Amino acid sequence: MRIRVISEFKDREALGEVAEKLEEVYGEKSEIEVVEELIDKRFLNPLRNQYDAWRIVQHYRRFLNAGEYLLLVTDKDIYAGDLNFVFGLAWRGVAIISTCRLFPEFYGQPPDRRLFIERAVKEAVHEIGHLHGLTHCDDEKCVMKFSNSILDTDDKSCELCEKCSSKLRFSRF
């Protein structure tokens, strides 16, 4: 398998770190493709001023090639179902993460590039984990722990715990 990262977020350094960590954790080649527009207005819910992550992921399944996963990276605010927002979502070979709520500035804090990149890496590793069949984990430090807020994302590591690593190895047989 390979991971194709398609992004309208144009920070190549951050995207490079995401791709590098995905390769390290999952052992799969990651390729980055930067595009002008990934998500257009048809996915916008004007009442919420957010983009519907489920519809986006379903739409992009048609661009999924055999032997790959797609990771979409957007700077737009996304939601799913009744949730106020999501950092990311994964379904049947396609995942999306939003950088919108990963910036410290979103929470009234000073800019911190390292913290932002760390958050983006964690969310990408988490969503690709779902594409590999991993579910949410109870281990507080595991990257597969559900993030209900940015504090949850900050508290966990960017690594799989031993239990999730074992599940991943087992799923590859």
N, C-alpha and C. Protein backbone atom coordinates (compact mmCIF):
# COMPACT_ATOMS: atom_id res chain seq x y z
N MET A 1 0.84 -1.19 0.00
CA MET A 1 0.00 0.00 0.00
C MET A 1 0.88 1.25 0.00
N ARG A 2 0.30 2.32 -0.48
CA ARG A 2 0.96 3.62 -0.39
C ARG A 2 -0.07 4.61 0.13
N ILE A 3 0.42 5.73 0.63
CA ILE A 3 -0.45 6.78 1.14
C ILE A 3 -0.26 8.00 0.25
N ARG A 4 -1.33 8.40 -0.42
CA ARG A 4 -1.29 9.59 -1.27
C ARG A 4 -1.90 10.75 -0.47
N VAL A 5 -1.08 11.73 -0.18
CA VAL A 5 -1.51 12.91 0.57
C VAL A 5 -1.86 14.00 -0.44
N ILE A 6 -3.12 14.41 -0.44
CA ILE A 6 -3.57 15.48 -1.34
C ILE A 6 -3.94 16.67 -0.45
N SER A 7 -3.32 17.81 -0.71
CA SER A 7 -3.49 18.93 0.21
C SER A 7 -3.71 20.24 -0.51
N GLU A 8 -4.64 21.02 0.03
CA GLU A 8 -4.77 22.42 -0.41
C GLU A 8 -4.04 23.32 0.59
N PHE A 9 -3.61 22.74 1.68
CA PHE A 9 -2.76 23.42 2.66
C PHE A 9 -1.35 23.36 2.09
N LYS A 10 -0.72 24.50 1.91
CA LYS A 10 0.48 24.56 1.07
C LYS A 10 1.81 24.55 1.82
N ASP A 11 1.81 24.30 3.10
CA ASP A 11 3.04 24.29 3.90
C ASP A 11 3.76 22.97 3.65
N ARG A 12 4.69 22.98 2.71
CA ARG A 12 5.38 21.74 2.31
C ARG A 12 6.23 21.15 3.43
N GLU A 13 6.79 22.00 4.28
CA GLU A 13 7.58 21.48 5.39
C GLU A 13 6.70 20.66 6.34
N ALA A 14 5.55 21.21 6.70
CA ALA A 14 4.63 20.50 7.59
C ALA A 14 4.14 19.21 6.92
N LEU A 15 3.78 19.30 5.65
CA LEU A 15 3.32 18.11 4.92
C LEU A 15 4.41 17.06 4.85
N GLY A 16 5.65 17.50 4.67
CA GLY A 16 6.78 16.57 4.63
C GLY A 16 6.94 15.83 5.94
N GLU A 17 6.76 16.53 7.06
CA GLU A 17 6.87 15.87 8.36
C GLU A 17 5.72 14.88 8.58
N VAL A 18 4.54 15.24 8.11
CA VAL A 18 3.40 14.32 8.18
C VAL A 18 3.72 13.06 7.38
N ALA A 19 4.15 13.22 6.14
CA ALA A 19 4.45 12.07 5.28
C ALA A 19 5.55 11.20 5.87
N GLU A 20 6.57 11.84 6.42
CA GLU A 20 7.69 11.11 7.01
C GLU A 20 7.22 10.25 8.19
N LYS A 21 6.37 10.81 9.04
CA LYS A 21 5.89 10.05 10.20
C LYS A 21 4.96 8.92 9.76
N LEU A 22 4.14 9.16 8.76
CA LEU A 22 3.27 8.10 8.25
C LEU A 22 4.10 6.92 7.74
N GLU A 23 5.17 7.23 7.02
CA GLU A 23 6.06 6.17 6.52
C GLU A 23 6.70 5.41 7.68
N GLU A 24 7.12 6.15 8.71
CA GLU A 24 7.76 5.53 9.87
C GLU A 24 6.79 4.60 10.62
N VAL A 25 5.58 5.07 10.87
CA VAL A 25 4.62 4.29 11.67
C VAL A 25 4.03 3.13 10.87
N TYR A 26 3.68 3.36 9.62
CA TYR A 26 2.96 2.34 8.84
C TYR A 26 3.83 1.61 7.82
N GLY A 27 5.05 2.08 7.60
CA GLY A 27 5.95 1.40 6.68
C GLY A 27 5.49 1.46 5.23
N GLU A 28 4.74 2.51 4.90
CA GLU A 28 4.22 2.65 3.54
C GLU A 28 4.70 3.97 2.93
N LYS A 29 5.02 3.94 1.68
CA LYS A 29 5.48 5.13 0.96
C LYS A 29 4.37 6.17 0.95
N SER A 30 4.73 7.40 1.23
CA SER A 30 3.79 8.52 1.20
C SER A 30 4.20 9.50 0.11
N GLU A 31 3.23 9.91 -0.69
CA GLU A 31 3.47 10.89 -1.75
C GLU A 31 2.59 12.10 -1.50
N ILE A 32 3.16 13.28 -1.69
CA ILE A 32 2.43 14.53 -1.44
C ILE A 32 2.07 15.19 -2.76
N GLU A 33 0.82 15.60 -2.87
CA GLU A 33 0.32 16.33 -4.04
C GLU A 33 -0.40 17.58 -3.53
N VAL A 34 0.13 18.75 -3.85
CA VAL A 34 -0.50 20.00 -3.43
C VAL A 34 -1.38 20.50 -4.57
N VAL A 35 -2.62 20.83 -4.25
CA VAL A 35 -3.59 21.30 -5.25
C VAL A 35 -4.10 22.68 -4.85
N GLU A 36 -4.64 23.39 -5.81
CA GLU A 36 -5.19 24.73 -5.53
C GLU A 36 -6.43 24.64 -4.65
N GLU A 37 -7.35 23.76 -5.03
CA GLU A 37 -8.60 23.63 -4.27
C GLU A 37 -8.96 22.17 -4.12
N LEU A 38 -9.12 21.75 -2.90
CA LEU A 38 -9.48 20.37 -2.59
C LEU A 38 -10.98 20.26 -2.31
N ILE A 39 -11.49 21.26 -1.63
CA ILE A 39 -12.88 21.24 -1.18
C ILE A 39 -13.57 22.51 -1.66
N ASP A 40 -14.66 22.34 -2.40
CA ASP A 40 -15.36 23.53 -2.88
C ASP A 40 -16.67 23.74 -2.10
N LYS A 41 -17.40 24.74 -2.50
CA LYS A 41 -18.59 25.20 -1.77
C LYS A 41 -19.71 24.16 -1.69
N ARG A 42 -19.72 23.16 -2.56
CA ARG A 42 -20.82 22.19 -2.50
C ARG A 42 -20.80 21.39 -1.20
N PHE A 43 -19.66 21.37 -0.51
CA PHE A 43 -19.55 20.64 0.75
C PHE A 43 -19.77 21.55 1.96
N LEU A 44 -20.00 22.83 1.72
CA LEU A 44 -20.19 23.80 2.79
C LEU A 44 -21.62 23.75 3.33
N ASN A 45 -21.75 23.70 4.64
CA ASN A 45 -23.04 23.86 5.29
C ASN A 45 -23.11 25.33 5.72
N PRO A 46 -23.90 26.15 5.01
CA PRO A 46 -23.90 27.59 5.29
C PRO A 46 -24.43 27.94 6.67
N LEU A 47 -25.26 27.08 7.24
CA LEU A 47 -25.79 27.35 8.58
C LEU A 47 -24.70 27.21 9.64
N ARG A 48 -23.74 26.35 9.37
CA ARG A 48 -22.65 26.11 10.32
C ARG A 48 -21.36 26.82 9.93
N ASN A 49 -21.28 27.21 8.66
CA ASN A 49 -20.04 27.75 8.08
C ASN A 49 -18.89 26.75 8.26
N GLN A 50 -19.23 25.48 8.05
CA GLN A 50 -18.27 24.39 8.13
C GLN A 50 -18.53 23.44 6.95
N TYR A 51 -17.53 22.62 6.68
CA TYR A 51 -17.61 21.68 5.57
C TYR A 51 -17.89 20.27 6.10
N ASP A 52 -18.74 19.55 5.38
CA ASP A 52 -19.20 18.23 5.79
C ASP A 52 -18.16 17.17 5.44
N ALA A 53 -17.45 16.69 6.45
CA ALA A 53 -16.36 15.74 6.23
C ALA A 53 -16.86 14.43 5.62
N TRP A 54 -18.04 13.95 6.02
CA TRP A 54 -18.57 12.70 5.46
C TRP A 54 -18.76 12.81 3.96
N ARG A 55 -19.37 13.89 3.52
CA ARG A 55 -19.61 14.07 2.09
C ARG A 55 -18.30 14.18 1.32
N ILE A 56 -17.33 14.85 1.91
CA ILE A 56 -16.03 15.02 1.25
C ILE A 56 -15.35 13.66 1.07
N VAL A 57 -15.30 12.88 2.13
CA VAL A 57 -14.65 11.57 2.09
C VAL A 57 -15.37 10.66 1.08
N GLN A 58 -16.69 10.67 1.10
CA GLN A 58 -17.45 9.85 0.14
C GLN A 58 -17.16 10.28 -1.30
N HIS A 59 -17.09 11.58 -1.53
CA HIS A 59 -16.79 12.11 -2.87
C HIS A 59 -15.42 11.64 -3.36
N TYR A 60 -14.42 11.69 -2.49
CA TYR A 60 -13.06 11.36 -2.90
C TYR A 60 -12.80 9.87 -3.04
N ARG A 61 -13.72 9.02 -2.62
CA ARG A 61 -13.53 7.58 -2.83
C ARG A 61 -13.41 7.25 -4.31
N ARG A 62 -14.03 8.03 -5.16
CA ARG A 62 -13.98 7.76 -6.61
C ARG A 62 -12.58 8.01 -7.18
N PHE A 63 -11.73 8.72 -6.44
CA PHE A 63 -10.36 9.00 -6.88
C PHE A 63 -9.34 8.07 -6.25
N LEU A 64 -9.82 7.11 -5.49
CA LEU A 64 -8.96 6.16 -4.79
C LEU A 64 -8.50 5.08 -5.76
N ASN A 65 -7.20 4.92 -5.87
CA ASN A 65 -6.63 3.88 -6.74
C ASN A 65 -6.37 2.62 -5.94
N ALA A 66 -6.32 1.49 -6.62
CA ALA A 66 -6.01 0.23 -5.95
C ALA A 66 -4.63 0.33 -5.31
N GLY A 67 -4.50 -0.23 -4.13
CA GLY A 67 -3.20 -0.26 -3.46
C GLY A 67 -2.80 1.04 -2.78
N GLU A 68 -3.77 1.92 -2.52
CA GLU A 68 -3.42 3.17 -1.85
C GLU A 68 -4.51 3.59 -0.87
N TYR A 69 -4.08 4.44 0.03
CA TYR A 69 -4.98 5.20 0.90
C TYR A 69 -4.85 6.65 0.48
N LEU A 70 -5.92 7.40 0.63
CA LEU A 70 -5.89 8.85 0.38
C LEU A 70 -5.97 9.57 1.72
N LEU A 71 -5.11 10.54 1.92
CA LEU A 71 -5.21 11.45 3.06
C LEU A 71 -5.39 12.85 2.50
N LEU A 72 -6.54 13.43 2.76
CA LEU A 72 -6.85 14.79 2.32
C LEU A 72 -6.49 15.74 3.45
N VAL A 73 -5.81 16.83 3.13
CA VAL A 73 -5.44 17.83 4.13
C VAL A 73 -6.02 19.16 3.69
N THR A 74 -6.87 19.72 4.54
CA THR A 74 -7.51 21.00 4.25
C THR A 74 -7.28 21.97 5.39
N ASP A 75 -7.39 23.25 5.08
CA ASP A 75 -7.34 24.26 6.13
C ASP A 75 -8.74 24.74 6.51
N LYS A 76 -9.75 24.11 5.91
CA LYS A 76 -11.13 24.48 6.20
C LYS A 76 -11.63 23.75 7.45
N ASP A 77 -12.57 24.38 8.15
CA ASP A 77 -13.16 23.79 9.35
C ASP A 77 -14.15 22.71 8.91
N ILE A 78 -14.05 21.52 9.50
CA ILE A 78 -14.91 20.40 9.10
C ILE A 78 -15.70 19.86 10.30
N TYR A 79 -16.80 19.20 9.96
CA TYR A 79 -17.64 18.57 10.98
C TYR A 79 -18.15 17.25 10.42
N ALA A 80 -18.73 16.44 11.30
CA ALA A 80 -19.35 15.18 10.88
C ALA A 80 -20.58 14.95 11.75
N GLY A 81 -21.70 14.70 11.10
CA GLY A 81 -22.93 14.40 11.83
C GLY A 81 -23.31 15.51 12.79
N ASP A 82 -23.58 15.10 14.03
CA ASP A 82 -24.00 16.05 15.06
C ASP A 82 -22.84 16.66 15.84
N LEU A 83 -21.62 16.27 15.51
CA LEU A 83 -20.46 16.80 16.23
C LEU A 83 -20.23 18.26 15.85
N ASN A 84 -19.80 19.06 16.83
CA ASN A 84 -19.53 20.47 16.57
C ASN A 84 -18.41 20.66 15.56
N PHE A 85 -17.43 19.77 15.60
CA PHE A 85 -16.30 19.80 14.68
C PHE A 85 -15.61 18.45 14.77
N VAL A 86 -14.75 18.18 13.80
CA VAL A 86 -13.83 17.04 13.88
C VAL A 86 -12.46 17.53 13.42
N PHE A 87 -11.43 16.95 14.02
CA PHE A 87 -10.07 17.21 13.55
C PHE A 87 -9.82 16.40 12.28
N GLY A 88 -10.51 15.25 12.18
CA GLY A 88 -10.34 14.38 11.03
C GLY A 88 -11.41 13.31 11.00
N LEU A 89 -11.41 12.57 9.89
CA LEU A 89 -12.39 11.51 9.69
C LEU A 89 -11.79 10.52 8.69
N ALA A 90 -12.09 9.24 8.86
CA ALA A 90 -11.58 8.23 7.93
C ALA A 90 -12.69 7.24 7.61
N TRP A 91 -12.73 6.82 6.34
CA TRP A 91 -13.75 5.86 5.92
C TRP A 91 -13.33 5.21 4.61
N ARG A 92 -13.25 3.90 4.63
CA ARG A 92 -13.06 3.08 3.43
C ARG A 92 -11.97 3.58 2.48
N GLY A 93 -10.79 3.75 3.01
CA GLY A 93 -9.65 4.09 2.17
C GLY A 93 -9.34 5.57 2.05
N VAL A 94 -10.24 6.42 2.53
CA VAL A 94 -10.04 7.87 2.42
C VAL A 94 -10.14 8.51 3.80
N ALA A 95 -9.18 9.35 4.12
CA ALA A 95 -9.19 10.10 5.38
C ALA A 95 -9.03 11.57 5.08
N ILE A 96 -9.53 12.39 5.99
CA ILE A 96 -9.35 13.83 5.88
C ILE A 96 -8.93 14.36 7.24
N ILE A 97 -8.02 15.33 7.24
CA ILE A 97 -7.72 16.09 8.45
C ILE A 97 -7.82 17.57 8.11
N SER A 98 -8.22 18.35 9.10
CA SER A 98 -8.28 19.79 8.94
C SER A 98 -7.24 20.44 9.83
N THR A 99 -6.50 21.38 9.27
CA THR A 99 -5.50 22.11 10.05
C THR A 99 -6.13 23.30 10.79
N CYS A 100 -7.36 23.63 10.48
CA CYS A 100 -8.02 24.82 11.00
C CYS A 100 -7.90 24.96 12.51
N ARG A 101 -8.23 23.91 13.25
CA ARG A 101 -8.24 23.96 14.71
C ARG A 101 -6.94 23.45 15.34
N LEU A 102 -5.93 23.24 14.52
CA LEU A 102 -4.65 22.76 15.03
C LEU A 102 -3.69 23.90 15.34
N PHE A 103 -3.95 25.07 14.82
CA PHE A 103 -3.11 26.24 15.08
C PHE A 103 -3.37 26.76 16.49
N PRO A 104 -2.33 27.02 17.27
CA PRO A 104 -2.54 27.61 18.60
C PRO A 104 -3.33 28.92 18.55
N GLU A 105 -3.16 29.68 17.47
CA GLU A 105 -3.86 30.96 17.32
C GLU A 105 -5.38 30.79 17.35
N PHE A 106 -5.87 29.63 16.91
CA PHE A 106 -7.32 29.37 16.92
C PHE A 106 -7.87 29.47 18.34
N TYR A 107 -7.03 29.17 19.32
CA TYR A 107 -7.43 29.17 20.73
C TYR A 107 -6.93 30.41 21.47
N GLY A 108 -6.52 31.44 20.72
CA GLY A 108 -6.07 32.68 21.32
C GLY A 108 -4.67 32.62 21.89
N GLN A 109 -3.91 31.62 21.48
CA GLN A 109 -2.53 31.47 21.96
C GLN A 109 -1.56 32.01 20.92
N PRO A 110 -0.33 32.29 21.32
CA PRO A 110 0.65 32.77 20.34
C PRO A 110 1.02 31.68 19.34
N PRO A 111 1.44 32.05 18.15
CA PRO A 111 1.84 31.06 17.16
C PRO A 111 2.95 30.16 17.69
N ASP A 112 2.87 28.89 17.35
CA ASP A 112 3.89 27.92 17.75
C ASP A 112 3.95 26.86 16.64
N ARG A 113 4.87 27.07 15.72
CA ARG A 113 4.97 26.20 14.54
C ARG A 113 5.20 24.74 14.91
N ARG A 114 6.10 24.49 15.85
CA ARG A 114 6.39 23.10 16.25
C ARG A 114 5.14 22.42 16.80
N LEU A 115 4.39 23.13 17.64
CA LEU A 115 3.17 22.56 18.22
C LEU A 115 2.16 22.27 17.12
N PHE A 116 2.01 23.20 16.18
CA PHE A 116 1.09 22.98 15.07
C PHE A 116 1.47 21.72 14.28
N ILE A 117 2.73 21.59 13.91
CA ILE A 117 3.17 20.43 13.12
C ILE A 117 2.96 19.14 13.91
N GLU A 118 3.28 19.17 15.19
CA GLU A 118 3.07 17.99 16.03
C GLU A 118 1.60 17.57 16.04
N ARG A 119 0.71 18.53 16.14
CA ARG A 119 -0.73 18.24 16.11
C ARG A 119 -1.15 17.65 14.77
N ALA A 120 -0.65 18.22 13.68
CA ALA A 120 -1.00 17.72 12.35
C ALA A 120 -0.51 16.29 12.16
N VAL A 121 0.70 16.01 12.62
CA VAL A 121 1.25 14.65 12.53
C VAL A 121 0.37 13.68 13.31
N LYS A 122 -0.01 14.03 14.53
CA LYS A 122 -0.84 13.15 15.35
C LYS A 122 -2.18 12.86 14.68
N GLU A 123 -2.81 13.89 14.15
CA GLU A 123 -4.12 13.67 13.52
C GLU A 123 -4.00 12.82 12.26
N ALA A 124 -2.96 13.03 11.48
CA ALA A 124 -2.75 12.22 10.28
C ALA A 124 -2.49 10.75 10.64
N VAL A 125 -1.61 10.52 11.60
CA VAL A 125 -1.31 9.14 12.02
C VAL A 125 -2.57 8.48 12.57
N HIS A 126 -3.37 9.23 13.32
CA HIS A 126 -4.62 8.71 13.89
C HIS A 126 -5.59 8.27 12.78
N GLU A 127 -5.82 9.15 11.82
CA GLU A 127 -6.80 8.83 10.77
C GLU A 127 -6.32 7.70 9.87
N ILE A 128 -5.05 7.66 9.54
CA ILE A 128 -4.54 6.55 8.73
C ILE A 128 -4.63 5.26 9.54
N GLY A 129 -4.48 5.34 10.85
CA GLY A 129 -4.69 4.18 11.71
C GLY A 129 -6.09 3.60 11.54
N HIS A 130 -7.09 4.46 11.46
CA HIS A 130 -8.45 3.98 11.22
C HIS A 130 -8.55 3.27 9.87
N LEU A 131 -7.87 3.79 8.86
CA LEU A 131 -7.91 3.13 7.54
C LEU A 131 -7.26 1.76 7.58
N HIS A 132 -6.37 1.55 8.54
CA HIS A 132 -5.74 0.24 8.73
C HIS A 132 -6.56 -0.66 9.65
N GLY A 133 -7.74 -0.20 10.04
CA GLY A 133 -8.62 -1.02 10.87
C GLY A 133 -8.48 -0.80 12.36
N LEU A 134 -7.65 0.14 12.77
CA LEU A 134 -7.50 0.41 14.20
C LEU A 134 -8.68 1.24 14.70
N THR A 135 -9.13 0.94 15.91
CA THR A 135 -10.22 1.68 16.54
C THR A 135 -9.63 2.60 17.60
N HIS A 136 -10.50 3.37 18.24
CA HIS A 136 -10.02 4.24 19.32
C HIS A 136 -9.49 3.40 20.46
N CYS A 137 -8.46 3.91 21.11
CA CYS A 137 -7.72 3.20 22.15
C CYS A 137 -7.92 3.88 23.50
N ASP A 138 -7.86 3.09 24.56
CA ASP A 138 -8.00 3.63 25.92
C ASP A 138 -6.69 4.14 26.50
N ASP A 139 -5.57 3.79 25.87
CA ASP A 139 -4.26 4.23 26.37
C ASP A 139 -4.13 5.74 26.17
N GLU A 140 -3.94 6.46 27.26
CA GLU A 140 -3.90 7.93 27.24
C GLU A 140 -2.84 8.50 26.30
N LYS A 141 -1.76 7.77 26.09
CA LYS A 141 -0.65 8.28 25.27
C LYS A 141 -0.68 7.77 23.83
N CYS A 142 -1.53 6.81 23.55
CA CYS A 142 -1.60 6.24 22.20
C CYS A 142 -2.19 7.25 21.23
N VAL A 143 -1.62 7.33 20.05
CA VAL A 143 -2.12 8.24 19.02
C VAL A 143 -3.55 7.88 18.60
N MET A 144 -3.99 6.66 18.88
CA MET A 144 -5.35 6.25 18.52
C MET A 144 -6.38 6.61 19.59
N LYS A 145 -5.96 7.26 20.65
CA LYS A 145 -6.89 7.77 21.66
C LYS A 145 -7.75 8.85 21.02
N PHE A 146 -9.07 8.81 21.26
CA PHE A 146 -9.98 9.80 20.70
C PHE A 146 -9.67 11.19 21.27
N SER A 147 -9.66 12.19 20.41
CA SER A 147 -9.44 13.57 20.85
C SER A 147 -10.76 14.33 20.83
N ASN A 148 -11.27 14.61 22.00
CA ASN A 148 -12.49 15.39 22.13
C ASN A 148 -12.20 16.89 22.08
N SER A 149 -10.95 17.23 22.37
CA SER A 149 -10.52 18.63 22.34
C SER A 149 -9.04 18.67 21.96
N ILE A 150 -8.55 19.86 21.71
CA ILE A 150 -7.14 20.01 21.34
C ILE A 150 -6.23 19.60 22.49
N LEU A 151 -6.71 19.72 23.72
CA LEU A 151 -5.92 19.29 24.88
C LEU A 151 -5.68 17.78 24.84
N ASP A 152 -6.69 17.03 24.39
CA ASP A 152 -6.52 15.58 24.23
C ASP A 152 -5.46 15.27 23.18
N THR A 153 -5.47 16.02 22.10
CA THR A 153 -4.46 15.83 21.06
C THR A 153 -3.07 16.14 21.61
N ASP A 154 -2.97 17.21 22.36
CA ASP A 154 -1.67 17.60 22.92
C ASP A 154 -1.15 16.57 23.92
N ASP A 155 -2.05 15.93 24.66
CA ASP A 155 -1.65 14.99 25.71
C ASP A 155 -1.15 13.65 25.18
N LYS A 156 -1.60 13.26 23.99
CA LYS A 156 -1.18 11.95 23.49
C LYS A 156 0.11 12.06 22.68
N SER A 157 0.72 10.93 22.42
CA SER A 157 1.95 10.91 21.62
C SER A 157 1.58 10.74 20.14
N CYS A 158 2.57 10.71 19.29
CA CYS A 158 2.32 10.48 17.87
C CYS A 158 2.62 9.02 17.50
N GLU A 159 2.69 8.18 18.51
CA GLU A 159 3.02 6.76 18.32
C GLU A 159 1.85 5.86 18.69
N LEU A 160 1.84 4.68 18.10
CA LEU A 160 0.89 3.64 18.49
C LEU A 160 1.38 2.98 19.78
N CYS A 161 0.46 2.65 20.67
CA CYS A 161 0.84 1.90 21.87
C CYS A 161 1.15 0.46 21.45
N GLU A 162 1.63 -0.33 22.38
CA GLU A 162 2.00 -1.72 22.06
C GLU A 162 0.79 -2.52 21.59
N LYS A 163 -0.36 -2.30 22.23
CA LYS A 163 -1.58 -3.03 21.84
C LYS A 163 -1.99 -2.71 20.40
N CYS A 164 -1.99 -1.43 20.05
CA CYS A 164 -2.37 -1.03 18.69
C CYS A 164 -1.32 -1.46 17.68
N SER A 165 -0.04 -1.41 18.05
CA SER A 165 1.02 -1.90 17.17
C SER A 165 0.83 -3.38 16.88
N SER A 166 0.46 -4.14 17.90
CA SER A 166 0.21 -5.57 17.72
C SER A 166 -0.97 -5.81 16.80
N LYS A 167 -2.04 -5.05 16.98
CA LYS A 167 -3.22 -5.17 16.11
C LYS A 167 -2.84 -4.88 14.66
N LEU A 168 -2.02 -3.85 14.46
CA LEU A 168 -1.60 -3.48 13.12
C LEU A 168 -0.77 -4.60 12.49
N ARG A 169 0.17 -5.14 13.24
CA ARG A 169 0.99 -6.25 12.72
C ARG A 169 0.11 -7.46 12.39
N PHE A 170 -0.82 -7.78 13.27
CA PHE A 170 -1.71 -8.93 13.07
C PHE A 170 -2.59 -8.73 11.83
N SER A 171 -3.04 -7.51 11.60
CA SER A 171 -3.95 -7.24 10.48
C SER A 171 -3.25 -7.39 9.13
N ARG A 172 -1.95 -7.41 9.13
CA ARG A 172 -1.21 -7.49 7.86
C ARG A 172 -0.95 -8.92 7.42
N PHE A 173 -1.34 -9.89 8.22
CA PHE A 173 -1.15 -11.30 7.82
C PHE A 173 -2.27 -11.77 6.95
